[in-house]
C-alpha atoms as a PDB file:
ATOM      1  CA  UNK A   1      -1.810-117.566 167.615  1.00  0.00           C
ATOM      2  CA  UNK A   2      -2.251-113.902 166.647  1.00  0.00           C
ATOM      3  CA  UNK A   3      -0.594-112.574 169.783  1.00  0.00           C
ATOM      4  CA  UNK A   4       2.632-114.254 168.733  1.00  0.00           C
ATOM      5  CA  UNK A   5       2.380-112.677 165.280  1.00  0.00           C
ATOM      6  CA  UNK A   6       1.935-109.186 166.767  1.00  0.00           C
ATOM      7  CA  UNK A   7       3.760-109.156 170.101  1.00  0.00           C
ATOM      8  CA  UNK A   8       4.420-105.398 170.118  1.00  0.00           C
ATOM      9  CA  UNK A   9       0.753-104.651 169.551  1.00  0.00           C
ATOM     10  CA  UNK A  10      -0.180-107.140 172.263  1.00  0.00           C
ATOM     11  CA  UNK A  11       2.144-105.461 174.766  1.00  0.00           C
ATOM     12  CA  UNK A  12       0.869-101.976 173.853  1.00  0.00           C
ATOM     13  CA  UNK A  13      -2.747-103.082 174.256  1.00  0.00           C
ATOM     14  CA  UNK A  14      -2.092-104.910 177.541  1.00  0.00           C
ATOM     15  CA  UNK A  15      -0.108-102.021 179.032  1.00  0.00           C
ATOM     16  CA  UNK A  16      -2.617 -99.290 178.204  1.00  0.00           C
ATOM     17  CA  UNK A  17      -5.596-101.454 179.176  1.00  0.00           C
ATOM     18  CA  UNK A  18      -4.066-102.086 182.614  1.00  0.00           C
ATOM     19  CA  UNK A  19      -3.022 -98.448 182.925  1.00  0.00           C
ATOM     20  CA  UNK A  20      -6.509 -97.070 182.261  1.00  0.00           C
ATOM     21  CA  UNK A  21      -8.288 -99.747 184.282  1.00  0.00           C
ATOM     22  CA  UNK A  22      -6.118 -99.247 187.357  1.00  0.00           C
ATOM     23  CA  UNK A  23      -6.095 -95.458 187.006  1.00  0.00           C
ATOM     24  CA  UNK A  24      -9.905 -95.490 186.761  1.00  0.00           C
ATOM     25  CA  UNK A  25     -10.186 -97.732 189.812  1.00  0.00           C
ATOM     26  CA  UNK A  26      -7.892 -95.337 191.659  1.00  0.00           C
ATOM     27  CA  UNK A  27     -10.552 -92.642 191.308  1.00  0.00           C
ATOM     28  CA  UNK A  28     -12.988 -94.830 193.246  1.00  0.00           C
ATOM     29  CA  UNK A  29     -10.824 -96.768 195.727  1.00  0.00           C
ATOM     30  CA  UNK A  30      -7.975 -94.398 196.673  1.00  0.00           C
ATOM     31  CA  UNK A  31      -6.985 -94.700 200.324  1.00  0.00           C
ATOM     32  CA  UNK A  32      -9.516 -97.457 201.003  1.00  0.00           C
ATOM     33  CA  UNK A  33      -9.311-100.987 202.323  1.00  0.00           C
ATOM     34  CA  UNK A  34     -11.071-103.076 199.696  1.00  0.00           C
ATOM     35  CA  UNK A  35     -10.821-106.381 201.519  1.00  0.00           C
ATOM     36  CA  UNK A  36      -7.916-108.246 199.975  1.00  0.00           C
ATOM     37  CA  UNK A  37      -5.673-105.172 199.693  1.00  0.00           C
ATOM     38  CA  UNK A  38      -5.407-101.644 201.005  1.00  0.00           C
ATOM     39  CA  UNK A  39      -5.534 -99.450 197.908  1.00  0.00           C
ATOM     40  CA  UNK A  40      -3.177 -96.555 198.591  1.00  0.00           C
ATOM     41  CA  UNK A  41      -3.264 -94.748 195.280  1.00  0.00           C
ATOM     42  CA  UNK A  42      -3.187 -90.993 194.877  1.00  0.00           C
ATOM     43  CA  UNK A  43      -5.484 -89.059 197.175  1.00  0.00           C
ATOM     44  CA  UNK A  44      -7.154 -87.009 194.506  1.00  0.00           C
ATOM     45  CA  UNK A  45      -9.930 -85.721 196.766  1.00  0.00           C
ATOM     46  CA  UNK A  46      -7.413 -83.525 198.583  1.00  0.00           C
ATOM     47  CA  UNK A  47      -5.832 -82.334 195.334  1.00  0.00           C
ATOM     48  CA  UNK A  48      -9.138 -81.577 193.640  1.00  0.00           C
ATOM     49  CA  UNK A  49     -10.472 -79.809 196.731  1.00  0.00           C
ATOM     50  CA  UNK A  50      -7.411 -77.541 196.537  1.00  0.00           C
ATOM     51  CA  UNK A  51      -7.884 -77.056 192.763  1.00  0.00           C
ATOM     52  CA  UNK A  52     -11.558 -76.214 193.154  1.00  0.00           C
ATOM     53  CA  UNK A  53     -10.761 -73.815 195.981  1.00  0.00           C
ATOM     54  CA  UNK A  54      -8.329 -72.000 193.652  1.00  0.00           C
ATOM     55  CA  UNK A  55     -11.021 -71.800 190.980  1.00  0.00           C
ATOM     56  CA  UNK A  56     -13.676 -70.751 193.513  1.00  0.00           C
ATOM     57  CA  UNK A  57     -15.813 -73.799 192.653  1.00  0.00           C
ATOM     58  CA  UNK A  58     -17.934 -75.546 195.257  1.00  0.00           C
ATOM     59  CA  UNK A  59     -15.924 -78.512 196.661  1.00  0.00           C
ATOM     60  CA  UNK A  60     -19.114 -80.563 196.439  1.00  0.00           C
ATOM     61  CA  UNK A  61     -18.298 -81.119 192.770  1.00  0.00           C
ATOM     62  CA  UNK A  62     -15.045 -82.957 193.559  1.00  0.00           C
ATOM     63  CA  UNK A  63     -16.647 -86.383 193.862  1.00  0.00           C
ATOM     64  CA  UNK A  64     -18.683 -85.933 190.686  1.00  0.00           C
ATOM     65  CA  UNK A  65     -15.587 -84.771 188.810  1.00  0.00           C
ATOM     66  CA  UNK A  66     -13.573 -87.785 189.955  1.00  0.00           C
ATOM     67  CA  UNK A  67     -16.395 -90.161 189.043  1.00  0.00           C
ATOM     68  CA  UNK A  68     -16.595 -88.579 185.591  1.00  0.00           C
ATOM     69  CA  UNK A  69     -12.810 -88.900 185.134  1.00  0.00           C
ATOM     70  CA  UNK A  70     -12.948 -92.538 186.282  1.00  0.00           C
ATOM     71  CA  UNK A  71     -15.702 -93.345 183.786  1.00  0.00           C
ATOM     72  CA  UNK A  72     -13.739 -91.699 180.961  1.00  0.00           C
ATOM     73  CA  UNK A  73     -10.710 -93.791 181.931  1.00  0.00           C
ATOM     74  CA  UNK A  74     -12.818 -96.979 181.989  1.00  0.00           C
ATOM     75  CA  UNK A  75     -14.020 -96.076 178.484  1.00  0.00           C
ATOM     76  CA  UNK A  76     -10.402 -95.783 177.299  1.00  0.00           C
ATOM     77  CA  UNK A  77      -9.629 -99.154 178.929  1.00  0.00           C
ATOM     78  CA  UNK A  78     -12.646-100.682 177.170  1.00  0.00           C
ATOM     79  CA  UNK A  79     -11.347 -99.532 173.784  1.00  0.00           C
ATOM     80  CA  UNK A  80      -8.043-101.305 174.431  1.00  0.00           C
ATOM     81  CA  UNK A  81      -9.946-104.366 175.658  1.00  0.00           C
ATOM     82  CA  UNK A  82     -11.911-104.530 172.387  1.00  0.00           C
ATOM     83  CA  UNK A  83      -8.663-104.293 170.403  1.00  0.00           C
ATOM     84  CA  UNK A  84      -7.147-107.024 172.580  1.00  0.00           C
ATOM     85  CA  UNK A  85     -10.109-109.346 172.094  1.00  0.00           C
ATOM     86  CA  UNK A  86      -9.906-108.857 168.336  1.00  0.00           C
ATOM     87  CA  UNK A  87      -6.176-109.618 168.475  1.00  0.00           C
ATOM     88  CA  UNK A  88      -6.689-112.828 170.464  1.00  0.00           C
ATOM     89  CA  UNK A  89      -9.494-113.951 168.117  1.00  0.00           C
ATOM     90  CA  UNK A  90      -7.344-113.093 165.079  1.00  0.00           C
ATOM     91  CA  UNK A  91     -10.038-110.792 163.701  1.00  0.00           C
ATOM     92  CA  UNK A  92      -9.273-107.938 161.312  1.00  0.00           C
ATOM     93  CA  UNK A  93      -9.142-104.335 162.448  1.00  0.00           C
ATOM     94  CA  UNK A  94      -6.799-104.704 165.420  1.00  0.00           C
ATOM     95  CA  UNK A  95      -4.509-101.871 164.302  1.00  0.00           C
ATOM     96  CA  UNK A  96      -7.466 -99.585 163.591  1.00  0.00           C
ATOM     97  CA  UNK A  97      -9.028-100.215 166.997  1.00  0.00           C
ATOM     98  CA  UNK A  98      -5.684 -99.810 168.733  1.00  0.00           C
ATOM     99  CA  UNK A  99      -5.145 -96.525 166.888  1.00  0.00           C
ATOM    100  CA  UNK A 100      -8.611 -95.380 167.964  1.00  0.00           C
ATOM    101  CA  UNK A 101      -7.895 -96.281 171.591  1.00  0.00           C
ATOM    102  CA  UNK A 102      -4.589 -94.417 171.427  1.00  0.00           C
ATOM    103  CA  UNK A 103      -6.266 -91.347 169.882  1.00  0.00           C
ATOM    104  CA  UNK A 104      -8.909 -91.318 172.620  1.00  0.00           C
ATOM    105  CA  UNK A 105      -6.166 -91.698 175.230  1.00  0.00           C
ATOM    106  CA  UNK A 106      -4.284 -88.726 173.793  1.00  0.00           C
ATOM    107  CA  UNK A 107      -7.491 -86.683 173.873  1.00  0.00           C
ATOM    108  CA  UNK A 108      -8.017 -87.618 177.533  1.00  0.00           C
ATOM    109  CA  UNK A 109      -4.483 -86.588 178.432  1.00  0.00           C
ATOM    110  CA  UNK A 110      -4.868 -83.331 176.516  1.00  0.00           C
ATOM    111  CA  UNK A 111      -7.986 -82.619 178.575  1.00  0.00           C
ATOM    112  CA  UNK A 112      -6.044 -83.400 181.755  1.00  0.00           C
ATOM    113  CA  UNK A 113      -3.188 -81.147 180.584  1.00  0.00           C
ATOM    114  CA  UNK A 114      -5.563 -78.247 179.932  1.00  0.00           C
ATOM    115  CA  UNK A 115      -6.964 -78.682 183.432  1.00  0.00           C
ATOM    116  CA  UNK A 116      -3.399 -78.776 184.812  1.00  0.00           C
ATOM    117  CA  UNK A 117      -2.598 -75.454 183.147  1.00  0.00           C
ATOM    118  CA  UNK A 118      -5.807 -73.857 184.442  1.00  0.00           C
ATOM    119  CA  UNK A 119      -5.137 -74.914 188.060  1.00  0.00           C
ATOM    120  CA  UNK A 120      -1.395 -74.280 187.837  1.00  0.00           C
ATOM    121  CA  UNK A 121      -0.145 -77.795 188.600  1.00  0.00           C
ATOM    122  CA  UNK A 122       3.042 -77.980 186.552  1.00  0.00           C
ATOM    123  CA  UNK A 123       4.108 -81.376 187.913  1.00  0.00           C
ATOM    124  CA  UNK A 124       0.861 -82.984 186.710  1.00  0.00           C
ATOM    125  CA  UNK A 125       1.222 -81.133 183.397  1.00  0.00           C
ATOM    126  CA  UNK A 126       4.665 -82.638 182.875  1.00  0.00           C
ATOM    127  CA  UNK A 127       3.338 -86.091 183.768  1.00  0.00           C
ATOM    128  CA  UNK A 128       0.344 -85.897 181.428  1.00  0.00           C
ATOM    129  CA  UNK A 129       2.464 -84.452 178.603  1.00  0.00           C
ATOM    130  CA  UNK A 130       4.923 -87.321 179.002  1.00  0.00           C
ATOM    131  CA  UNK A 131       2.080 -89.811 178.648  1.00  0.00           C
ATOM    132  CA  UNK A 132       1.077 -88.161 175.361  1.00  0.00           C
ATOM    133  CA  UNK A 133       4.626 -88.751 174.119  1.00  0.00           C
ATOM    134  CA  UNK A 134       4.542 -92.386 175.218  1.00  0.00           C
ATOM    135  CA  UNK A 135       1.201 -92.839 173.450  1.00  0.00           C
ATOM    136  CA  UNK A 136       2.699 -91.422 170.246  1.00  0.00           C
ATOM    137  CA  UNK A 137       5.572 -93.924 170.533  1.00  0.00           C
ATOM    138  CA  UNK A 138       2.970 -96.671 171.122  1.00  0.00           C
ATOM    139  CA  UNK A 139       1.169 -95.589 167.946  1.00  0.00           C
ATOM    140  CA  UNK A 140       4.401 -95.697 165.942  1.00  0.00           C
ATOM    141  CA  UNK A 141       5.289 -99.132 167.327  1.00  0.00           C
ATOM    142  CA  UNK A 142       1.890-100.595 166.380  1.00  0.00           C
ATOM    143  CA  UNK A 143       2.047 -98.972 162.932  1.00  0.00           C
ATOM    144  CA  UNK A 144       5.560-100.275 162.288  1.00  0.00           C
ATOM    145  CA  UNK A 145       4.652-103.783 163.381  1.00  0.00           C
ATOM    146  CA  UNK A 146       1.535-103.766 161.180  1.00  0.00           C
ATOM    147  CA  UNK A 147       3.545-102.496 158.209  1.00  0.00           C
ATOM    148  CA  UNK A 148       6.277-105.106 158.542  1.00  0.00           C
ATOM    149  CA  UNK A 149       3.745-107.872 159.143  1.00  0.00           C
ATOM    150  CA  UNK A 150       2.014-106.835 155.911  1.00  0.00           C
ATOM    151  CA  UNK A 151       5.328-107.042 154.041  1.00  0.00           C
ATOM    152  CA  UNK A 152       6.009-110.459 155.527  1.00  0.00           C
ATOM    153  CA  UNK A 153       2.553-111.640 154.443  1.00  0.00           C
ATOM    154  CA  UNK A 154       3.230-110.426 150.891  1.00  0.00           C
ATOM    155  CA  UNK A 155       6.360-112.581 150.805  1.00  0.00           C
ATOM    156  CA  UNK A 156       4.617-115.703 152.072  1.00  0.00           C
ATOM    157  CA  UNK A 157       4.252-118.752 149.845  1.00  0.00           C
ATOM    158  CA  UNK A 158       0.561-118.118 149.394  1.00  0.00           C
ATOM    159  CA  UNK A 159       1.138-114.760 147.682  1.00  0.00           C
ATOM    160  CA  UNK A 160       4.584-114.952 146.102  1.00  0.00           C
ATOM    161  CA  UNK A 161       3.371-116.253 142.731  1.00  0.00           C
ATOM    162  CA  UNK A 162       0.394-113.950 142.335  1.00  0.00           C
ATOM    163  CA  UNK A 163       0.346-111.573 139.441  1.00  0.00           C
ATOM    164  CA  UNK A 164      -0.840-108.028 139.961  1.00  0.00           C
ATOM    165  CA  UNK A 165      -3.177-107.169 138.472  1.00  0.00           C
ATOM    166  CA  UNK A 166      -4.539-110.697 138.216  1.00  0.00           C
ATOM    167  CA  UNK A 167      -4.843-112.140 134.725  1.00  0.00           C
ATOM    168  CA  UNK A 168      -8.343-112.497 133.403  1.00  0.00           C
ATOM    169  CA  UNK A 169      -9.254-115.899 131.999  1.00  0.00           C
END
């Protein structure tokens, strides 16, 4: 099973998929009773109303902004989901797709950090900057695991007696 061959990659994919999915859902369900659970979450409507007031932007755009942010976060989750499906199916390109998902995630957090600077929310800036650091560590972990897995595959019985370049008959 491919997940057992790449456990670090599997954990990275699962963590960031859940993170983006739940963070995206938080944009839609914060402070609502959704039947089986009361979703407390972060009340972003209040925060964004304050931000938009500072920027002298009509508060009517708060809902649209949160919906846009939620959709972007669902997109990031979908990229990790695709990488996870490829990992489970043992298809090639898992590391590439994970790297792409991580790069998109970093871009999202950089956008959030720029917004944090503009509205003067230093606590959110610290939080979003920390996530960029964790994503960079995630990238390094996936890259290291892929590299060492490649070395292990080169040492396997199926490749140990190959000559490079192959002899022509």
